[in-house]
Amino acid sequence: MAVWRKWQAAYEQVERLCREQQRLERQLAETVGFPCATIRLRDGERVTLPSIQAVRNVLSSDPEDVATRAKAEAEFAAHQARWDAAAREIGYSEALRAEYEAGERAEDLLEALAETPASSLAGAAAKLDAVVREGEICGDGNEFPWPQIRSALEDIGRIGRQTERARSFRAGCASRSRVDRGEGAASVSAMGRARTQYEKARRRIAPRGQE
């Protein structure tokens, strides 16, 4: 459970940093726009390309495309420079780096959790919980095997609760039994003392020869 707690803390940190990174990215997109370059194709159609590689894929090295390609690459580079400057100014680059580092730590702890044998139902449930939470990020949570794993996790939780209730019930019964035995012994002891006192008193008051 100790490893799972460390993983959960790292996982929650990743989620917080991811939300912050996404907020800053939306701010950049609204103020600077995602880096891109717009070109006009030979047939007159205008297209917007999201990377230098896309520019190179669309425009060949043919002489008639060289000037257009160079202009598009320069336009993209200038836009990228504006993005990078704004990203540094608002802390986006730092947020992106922090999210990456936290994600690496969470991944290392997830591997450590998988390698640590569970010694209880709670430990086994913790492993499945981590698998479900990490796995659902990457895929559809309604697809196999996530519903089946969630069902197994719920079963383990239910069995664990039932076991705990049974243990508490047995402990309560044992405690009451000890109290009852103590009270019974005390009652027998008290009755014995009373009988002894009665016999002594009877002998004192009985006429001689009638004892």
C-alpha atoms as a PDB file:
ATOM      1  CA  MET A   1       0.000   0.000   0.000  1.00  0.00           C
ATOM      2  CA  ALA A   2       2.917   2.367   0.640  1.00  0.00           C
ATOM      3  CA  VAL A   3       3.993   2.194  -3.018  1.00  0.00           C
ATOM      4  CA  TRP A   4       0.397   2.724  -4.165  1.00  0.00           C
ATOM      5  CA  ARG A   5       0.084   5.849  -2.000  1.00  0.00           C
ATOM      6  CA  LYS A   6       3.251   7.261  -3.562  1.00  0.00           C
ATOM      7  CA  TRP A   7       1.957   6.387  -7.042  1.00  0.00           C
ATOM      8  CA  GLN A   8      -1.433   7.993  -6.315  1.00  0.00           C
ATOM      9  CA  ALA A   9       0.240  11.216  -5.157  1.00  0.00           C
ATOM     10  CA  ALA A  10       2.366  11.273  -8.338  1.00  0.00           C
ATOM     11  CA  TYR A  11      -0.665  10.454 -10.507  1.00  0.00           C
ATOM     12  CA  GLU A  12      -2.711  13.287  -8.979  1.00  0.00           C
ATOM     13  CA  GLN A  13       0.223  15.656  -9.482  1.00  0.00           C
ATOM     14  CA  VAL A  14       0.371  14.697 -13.171  1.00  0.00           C
ATOM     15  CA  GLU A  15      -3.350  15.425 -13.508  1.00  0.00           C
ATOM     16  CA  ARG A  16      -2.963  18.854 -11.880  1.00  0.00           C
ATOM     17  CA  LEU A  17       0.014  19.738 -14.060  1.00  0.00           C
ATOM     18  CA  CYS A  18      -1.792  18.490 -17.174  1.00  0.00           C
ATOM     19  CA  ARG A  19      -4.769  20.759 -16.470  1.00  0.00           C
ATOM     20  CA  GLU A  20      -2.433  23.713 -15.933  1.00  0.00           C
ATOM     21  CA  GLN A  21      -0.512  22.955 -19.136  1.00  0.00           C
ATOM     22  CA  GLN A  22      -3.762  22.716 -21.106  1.00  0.00           C
ATOM     23  CA  ARG A  23      -4.970  26.031 -19.684  1.00  0.00           C
ATOM     24  CA  LEU A  24      -1.761  27.754 -20.754  1.00  0.00           C
ATOM     25  CA  GLU A  25      -1.874  26.094 -24.164  1.00  0.00           C
ATOM     26  CA  ARG A  26      -5.398  27.405 -24.748  1.00  0.00           C
ATOM     27  CA  GLN A  27      -4.147  30.864 -23.809  1.00  0.00           C
ATOM     28  CA  LEU A  28      -1.328  30.590 -26.343  1.00  0.00           C
ATOM     29  CA  ALA A  29      -3.666  29.306 -29.036  1.00  0.00           C
ATOM     30  CA  GLU A  30      -5.979  32.262 -28.494  1.00  0.00           C
ATOM     31  CA  THR A  31      -3.251  34.923 -28.406  1.00  0.00           C
ATOM     32  CA  VAL A  32      -0.542  33.620 -30.761  1.00  0.00           C
ATOM     33  CA  GLY A  33      -2.145  30.694 -32.565  1.00  0.00           C
ATOM     34  CA  PHE A  34      -0.572  27.319 -33.160  1.00  0.00           C
ATOM     35  CA  PRO A  35       2.521  27.605 -35.382  1.00  0.00           C
ATOM     36  CA  CYS A  36       1.629  27.112 -39.036  1.00  0.00           C
ATOM     37  CA  ALA A  37       2.273  28.319 -42.572  1.00  0.00           C
ATOM     38  CA  THR A  38      -0.249  28.994 -45.319  1.00  0.00           C
ATOM     39  CA  ILE A  39       0.652  28.306 -48.939  1.00  0.00           C
ATOM     40  CA  ARG A  40      -1.044  28.444 -52.308  1.00  0.00           C
ATOM     41  CA  LEU A  41      -0.884  25.243 -54.344  1.00  0.00           C
ATOM     42  CA  ARG A  42      -0.366  25.152 -58.098  1.00  0.00           C
ATOM     43  CA  ASP A  43      -4.104  24.808 -58.671  1.00  0.00           C
ATOM     44  CA  GLY A  44      -4.756  27.946 -56.637  1.00  0.00           C
ATOM     45  CA  GLU A  45      -6.021  26.211 -53.477  1.00  0.00           C
ATOM     46  CA  ARG A  46      -4.766  27.685 -50.197  1.00  0.00           C
ATOM     47  CA  VAL A  47      -3.816  25.227 -47.414  1.00  0.00           C
ATOM     48  CA  THR A  48      -2.521  25.716 -43.876  1.00  0.00           C
ATOM     49  CA  LEU A  49       0.300  23.427 -42.824  1.00  0.00           C
ATOM     50  CA  PRO A  50       1.076  22.700 -39.119  1.00  0.00           C
ATOM     51  CA  SER A  51       4.795  21.919 -39.344  1.00  0.00           C
ATOM     52  CA  ILE A  52       7.965  22.353 -41.360  1.00  0.00           C
ATOM     53  CA  GLN A  53       7.790  18.681 -42.293  1.00  0.00           C
ATOM     54  CA  ALA A  54       4.279  19.168 -43.661  1.00  0.00           C
ATOM     55  CA  VAL A  55       5.550  22.040 -45.803  1.00  0.00           C
ATOM     56  CA  ARG A  56       8.302  19.830 -47.191  1.00  0.00           C
ATOM     57  CA  ASN A  57       5.904  16.964 -47.817  1.00  0.00           C
ATOM     58  CA  VAL A  58       3.506  19.163 -49.798  1.00  0.00           C
ATOM     59  CA  LEU A  59       6.083  21.195 -51.693  1.00  0.00           C
ATOM     60  CA  SER A  60       8.725  19.308 -53.590  1.00  0.00           C
ATOM     61  CA  SER A  61      12.244  20.466 -54.347  1.00  0.00           C
ATOM     62  CA  ASP A  62      11.274  21.197 -57.942  1.00  0.00           C
ATOM     63  CA  PRO A  63      12.495  24.598 -59.133  1.00  0.00           C
ATOM     64  CA  GLU A  64       8.954  25.916 -59.467  1.00  0.00           C
ATOM     65  CA  ASP A  65       8.257  25.105 -55.769  1.00  0.00           C
ATOM     66  CA  VAL A  66      11.548  26.312 -54.297  1.00  0.00           C
ATOM     67  CA  ALA A  67      10.482  29.914 -53.716  1.00  0.00           C
ATOM     68  CA  THR A  68       7.101  28.947 -52.283  1.00  0.00           C
ATOM     69  CA  ARG A  69       8.716  26.356 -50.043  1.00  0.00           C
ATOM     70  CA  ALA A  70      11.335  28.788 -48.724  1.00  0.00           C
ATOM     71  CA  LYS A  71       8.688  31.415 -48.012  1.00  0.00           C
ATOM     72  CA  ALA A  72       6.486  28.875 -46.190  1.00  0.00           C
ATOM     73  CA  GLU A  73       9.408  27.618 -44.078  1.00  0.00           C
ATOM     74  CA  ALA A  74      10.330  31.172 -43.111  1.00  0.00           C
ATOM     75  CA  GLU A  75       6.702  31.960 -42.240  1.00  0.00           C
ATOM     76  CA  PHE A  76       6.467  28.860 -40.077  1.00  0.00           C
ATOM     77  CA  ALA A  77       9.786  29.585 -38.318  1.00  0.00           C
ATOM     78  CA  ALA A  78       8.663  33.130 -37.490  1.00  0.00           C
ATOM     79  CA  HIS A  79       5.352  31.888 -36.115  1.00  0.00           C
ATOM     80  CA  GLN A  80       7.161  29.230 -34.067  1.00  0.00           C
ATOM     81  CA  ALA A  81       9.474  31.881 -32.635  1.00  0.00           C
ATOM     82  CA  ARG A  82       6.484  33.982 -31.536  1.00  0.00           C
ATOM     83  CA  TRP A  83       4.927  30.905 -29.909  1.00  0.00           C
ATOM     84  CA  ASP A  84       8.147  30.008 -28.071  1.00  0.00           C
ATOM     85  CA  ALA A  85       8.614  33.547 -26.754  1.00  0.00           C
ATOM     86  CA  ALA A  86       5.037  33.744 -25.491  1.00  0.00           C
ATOM     87  CA  ALA A  87       5.326  30.241 -24.004  1.00  0.00           C
ATOM     88  CA  ARG A  88       8.358  31.254 -21.968  1.00  0.00           C
ATOM     89  CA  GLU A  89       6.676  34.455 -20.856  1.00  0.00           C
ATOM     90  CA  ILE A  90       3.563  32.788 -19.403  1.00  0.00           C
ATOM     91  CA  GLY A  91       5.382  29.711 -18.055  1.00  0.00           C
ATOM     92  CA  TYR A  92       4.039  27.199 -20.575  1.00  0.00           C
ATOM     93  CA  SER A  93       7.442  25.690 -21.308  1.00  0.00           C
ATOM     94  CA  GLU A  94       8.094  25.150 -17.603  1.00  0.00           C
ATOM     95  CA  ALA A  95       4.638  23.648 -17.095  1.00  0.00           C
ATOM     96  CA  LEU A  96       5.217  21.257 -20.000  1.00  0.00           C
ATOM     97  CA  ARG A  97       8.553  20.157 -18.547  1.00  0.00           C
ATOM     98  CA  ALA A  98       7.095  19.697 -15.057  1.00  0.00           C
ATOM     99  CA  GLU A  99       4.251  17.584 -16.448  1.00  0.00           C
ATOM    100  CA  TYR A 100       6.712  15.377 -18.326  1.00  0.00           C
ATOM    101  CA  GLU A 101       8.916  14.852 -15.268  1.00  0.00           C
ATOM    102  CA  ALA A 102       5.919  14.054 -13.049  1.00  0.00           C
ATOM    103  CA  GLY A 103       4.673  11.595 -15.659  1.00  0.00           C
ATOM    104  CA  GLU A 104       8.051   9.831 -15.674  1.00  0.00           C
ATOM    105  CA  ARG A 105       7.957   9.528 -11.890  1.00  0.00           C
ATOM    106  CA  ALA A 106       4.391   8.177 -11.923  1.00  0.00           C
ATOM    107  CA  GLU A 107       5.401   5.609 -14.550  1.00  0.00           C
ATOM    108  CA  ASP A 108       8.382   4.467 -12.450  1.00  0.00           C
ATOM    109  CA  LEU A 109       6.160   4.081  -9.394  1.00  0.00           C
ATOM    110  CA  LEU A 110       3.600   2.138 -11.426  1.00  0.00           C
ATOM    111  CA  GLU A 111       6.319  -0.325 -12.433  1.00  0.00           C
ATOM    112  CA  ALA A 112       7.457  -0.583  -8.799  1.00  0.00           C
ATOM    113  CA  LEU A 113       3.856  -1.241  -7.763  1.00  0.00           C
ATOM    114  CA  ALA A 114       3.573  -4.061 -10.303  1.00  0.00           C
ATOM    115  CA  GLU A 115       6.770  -5.640  -8.980  1.00  0.00           C
ATOM    116  CA  THR A 116       5.727  -5.434  -5.300  1.00  0.00           C
ATOM    117  CA  PRO A 117       3.773  -8.529  -4.129  1.00  0.00           C
ATOM    118  CA  ALA A 118       0.460  -7.710  -2.446  1.00  0.00           C
ATOM    119  CA  SER A 119       0.102  -9.022   1.100  1.00  0.00           C
ATOM    120  CA  SER A 120      -3.614  -8.270   1.505  1.00  0.00           C
ATOM    121  CA  LEU A 121      -6.854  -7.787  -0.416  1.00  0.00           C
ATOM    122  CA  ALA A 122      -6.331  -4.047  -0.071  1.00  0.00           C
ATOM    123  CA  GLY A 123      -2.926  -4.343  -1.707  1.00  0.00           C
ATOM    124  CA  ALA A 124      -4.334  -6.360  -4.622  1.00  0.00           C
ATOM    125  CA  ALA A 125      -7.163  -3.839  -5.028  1.00  0.00           C
ATOM    126  CA  ALA A 126      -4.629  -1.002  -5.059  1.00  0.00           C
ATOM    127  CA  LYS A 127      -2.785  -2.639  -7.971  1.00  0.00           C
ATOM    128  CA  LEU A 128      -5.990  -3.030  -9.978  1.00  0.00           C
ATOM    129  CA  ASP A 129      -7.007   0.543  -9.185  1.00  0.00           C
ATOM    130  CA  ALA A 130      -3.730   1.830 -10.624  1.00  0.00           C
ATOM    131  CA  VAL A 131      -4.132  -0.320 -13.747  1.00  0.00           C
ATOM    132  CA  VAL A 132      -7.677   0.922 -14.352  1.00  0.00           C
ATOM    133  CA  ARG A 133      -6.851   4.602 -13.819  1.00  0.00           C
ATOM    134  CA  GLU A 134      -3.768   4.511 -16.027  1.00  0.00           C
ATOM    135  CA  GLY A 135      -5.307   2.284 -18.683  1.00  0.00           C
ATOM    136  CA  GLU A 136      -8.496   4.274 -19.147  1.00  0.00           C
ATOM    137  CA  ILE A 137      -6.432   7.346 -20.069  1.00  0.00           C
ATOM    138  CA  CYS A 138      -5.156   5.572 -23.170  1.00  0.00           C
ATOM    139  CA  GLY A 139      -8.333   3.904 -24.352  1.00  0.00           C
ATOM    140  CA  ASP A 140     -12.099   3.602 -24.149  1.00  0.00           C
ATOM    141  CA  GLY A 141     -13.042   2.708 -20.593  1.00  0.00           C
ATOM    142  CA  ASN A 142     -16.029   0.727 -21.887  1.00  0.00           C
ATOM    143  CA  GLU A 143     -13.920  -1.604 -24.012  1.00  0.00           C
ATOM    144  CA  PHE A 144     -12.421  -4.921 -22.890  1.00  0.00           C
ATOM    145  CA  PRO A 145     -10.803  -5.442 -20.426  1.00  0.00           C
ATOM    146  CA  TRP A 146     -11.699  -2.321 -18.376  1.00  0.00           C
ATOM    147  CA  PRO A 147     -15.287  -3.251 -17.404  1.00  0.00           C
ATOM    148  CA  GLN A 148     -14.063  -6.707 -16.367  1.00  0.00           C
ATOM    149  CA  ILE A 149     -11.187  -5.292 -14.310  1.00  0.00           C
ATOM    150  CA  ARG A 150     -13.515  -2.786 -12.617  1.00  0.00           C
ATOM    151  CA  SER A 151     -15.882  -5.644 -11.778  1.00  0.00           C
ATOM    152  CA  ALA A 152     -13.036  -7.642 -10.215  1.00  0.00           C
ATOM    153  CA  LEU A 153     -11.962  -4.556  -8.264  1.00  0.00           C
ATOM    154  CA  GLU A 154     -15.488  -4.110  -6.909  1.00  0.00           C
ATOM    155  CA  ASP A 155     -15.589  -7.806  -5.933  1.00  0.00           C
ATOM    156  CA  ILE A 156     -12.337  -7.472  -3.998  1.00  0.00           C
ATOM    157  CA  GLY A 157     -13.651  -4.389  -2.217  1.00  0.00           C
ATOM    158  CA  ARG A 158     -16.908  -6.127  -1.312  1.00  0.00           C
ATOM    159  CA  ILE A 159     -15.108  -9.240  -0.019  1.00  0.00           C
ATOM    160  CA  GLY A 160     -12.742  -7.056   1.969  1.00  0.00           C
ATOM    161  CA  ARG A 161     -15.644  -5.197   3.603  1.00  0.00           C
ATOM    162  CA  GLN A 162     -17.429  -8.442   4.424  1.00  0.00           C
ATOM    163  CA  THR A 163     -14.246  -9.885   5.922  1.00  0.00           C
ATOM    164  CA  GLU A 164     -13.725  -6.779   8.038  1.00  0.00           C
ATOM    165  CA  ARG A 165     -17.310  -6.876   9.311  1.00  0.00           C
ATOM    166  CA  ALA A 166     -16.968 -10.575  10.190  1.00  0.00           C
ATOM    167  CA  ARG A 167     -13.689  -9.887  11.997  1.00  0.00           C
ATOM    168  CA  SER A 168     -15.266  -7.043  13.969  1.00  0.00           C
ATOM    169  CA  PHE A 169     -18.264  -9.234  14.849  1.00  0.00           C
ATOM    170  CA  ARG A 170     -16.026 -12.048  16.108  1.00  0.00           C
ATOM    171  CA  ALA A 171     -13.959  -9.594  18.139  1.00  0.00           C
ATOM    172  CA  GLY A 172     -17.124  -8.171  19.689  1.00  0.00           C
ATOM    173  CA  CYS A 173     -18.418 -11.643  20.563  1.00  0.00           C
ATOM    174  CA  ALA A 174     -15.110 -12.604  22.125  1.00  0.00           C
ATOM    175  CA  SER A 175     -15.091  -9.409  24.206  1.00  0.00           C
ATOM    176  CA  ARG A 176     -18.644 -10.002  25.447  1.00  0.00           C
ATOM    177  CA  SER A 177     -17.792 -13.627  26.246  1.00  0.00           C
ATOM    178  CA  ARG A 178     -14.841 -12.546  28.380  1.00  0.00           C
ATOM    179  CA  VAL A 179     -17.058 -10.059  30.221  1.00  0.00           C
ATOM    180  CA  ASP A 180     -19.747 -12.703  30.774  1.00  0.00           C
ATOM    181  CA  ARG A 181     -17.204 -15.205  32.110  1.00  0.00           C
ATOM    182  CA  GLY A 182     -15.799 -12.574  34.453  1.00  0.00           C
ATOM    183  CA  GLU A 183     -19.242 -11.658  35.757  1.00  0.00           C
ATOM    184  CA  GLY A 184     -20.135 -15.336  36.203  1.00  0.00           C
ATOM    185  CA  ALA A 185     -17.000 -16.040  38.183  1.00  0.00           C
ATOM    186  CA  ALA A 186     -17.588 -12.991  40.335  1.00  0.00           C
ATOM    187  CA  SER A 187     -21.160 -14.133  41.020  1.00  0.00           C
ATOM    188  CA  VAL A 188     -20.074 -17.648  42.020  1.00  0.00           C
ATOM    189  CA  SER A 189     -17.385 -16.207  44.251  1.00  0.00           C
ATOM    190  CA  ALA A 190     -19.870 -13.872  45.926  1.00  0.00           C
ATOM    191  CA  MET A 191     -22.317 -16.729  46.514  1.00  0.00           C
ATOM    192  CA  GLY A 192     -19.534 -18.804  48.048  1.00  0.00           C
ATOM    193  CA  ARG A 193     -18.598 -16.047  50.471  1.00  0.00           C
ATOM    194  CA  ALA A 194     -22.195 -15.506  51.459  1.00  0.00           C
ATOM    195  CA  ARG A 195     -22.690 -19.215  52.193  1.00  0.00           C
ATOM    196  CA  THR A 196     -19.535 -19.327  54.338  1.00  0.00           C
ATOM    197  CA  GLN A 197     -20.652 -16.328  56.375  1.00  0.00           C
ATOM    198  CA  TYR A 198     -24.075 -17.911  56.843  1.00  0.00           C
ATOM    199  CA  GLU A 199     -22.585 -21.166  58.150  1.00  0.00           C
ATOM    200  CA  LYS A 200     -20.373 -19.308  60.615  1.00  0.00           C
ATOM    201  CA  ALA A 201     -23.296 -17.275  61.921  1.00  0.00           C
ATOM    202  CA  ARG A 202     -25.457 -20.378  62.252  1.00  0.00           C
ATOM    203  CA  ARG A 203     -22.853 -22.186  64.329  1.00  0.00           C
ATOM    204  CA  ARG A 204     -22.480 -19.230  66.676  1.00  0.00           C
ATOM    205  CA  ILE A 205     -26.181 -19.030  67.506  1.00  0.00           C
ATOM    206  CA  ALA A 206     -27.064 -22.761  67.429  1.00  0.00           C
ATOM    207  CA  PRO A 207     -27.361 -24.533  70.879  1.00  0.00           C
ATOM    208  CA  ARG A 208     -24.486 -26.809  71.691  1.00  0.00           C
ATOM    209  CA  GLY A 209     -25.010 -30.296  70.381  1.00  0.00           C
ATOM    210  CA  GLN A 210     -27.147 -29.065  67.437  1.00  0.00           C
ATOM    211  CA  GLU A 211     -24.337 -27.871  65.308  1.00  0.00           C
END
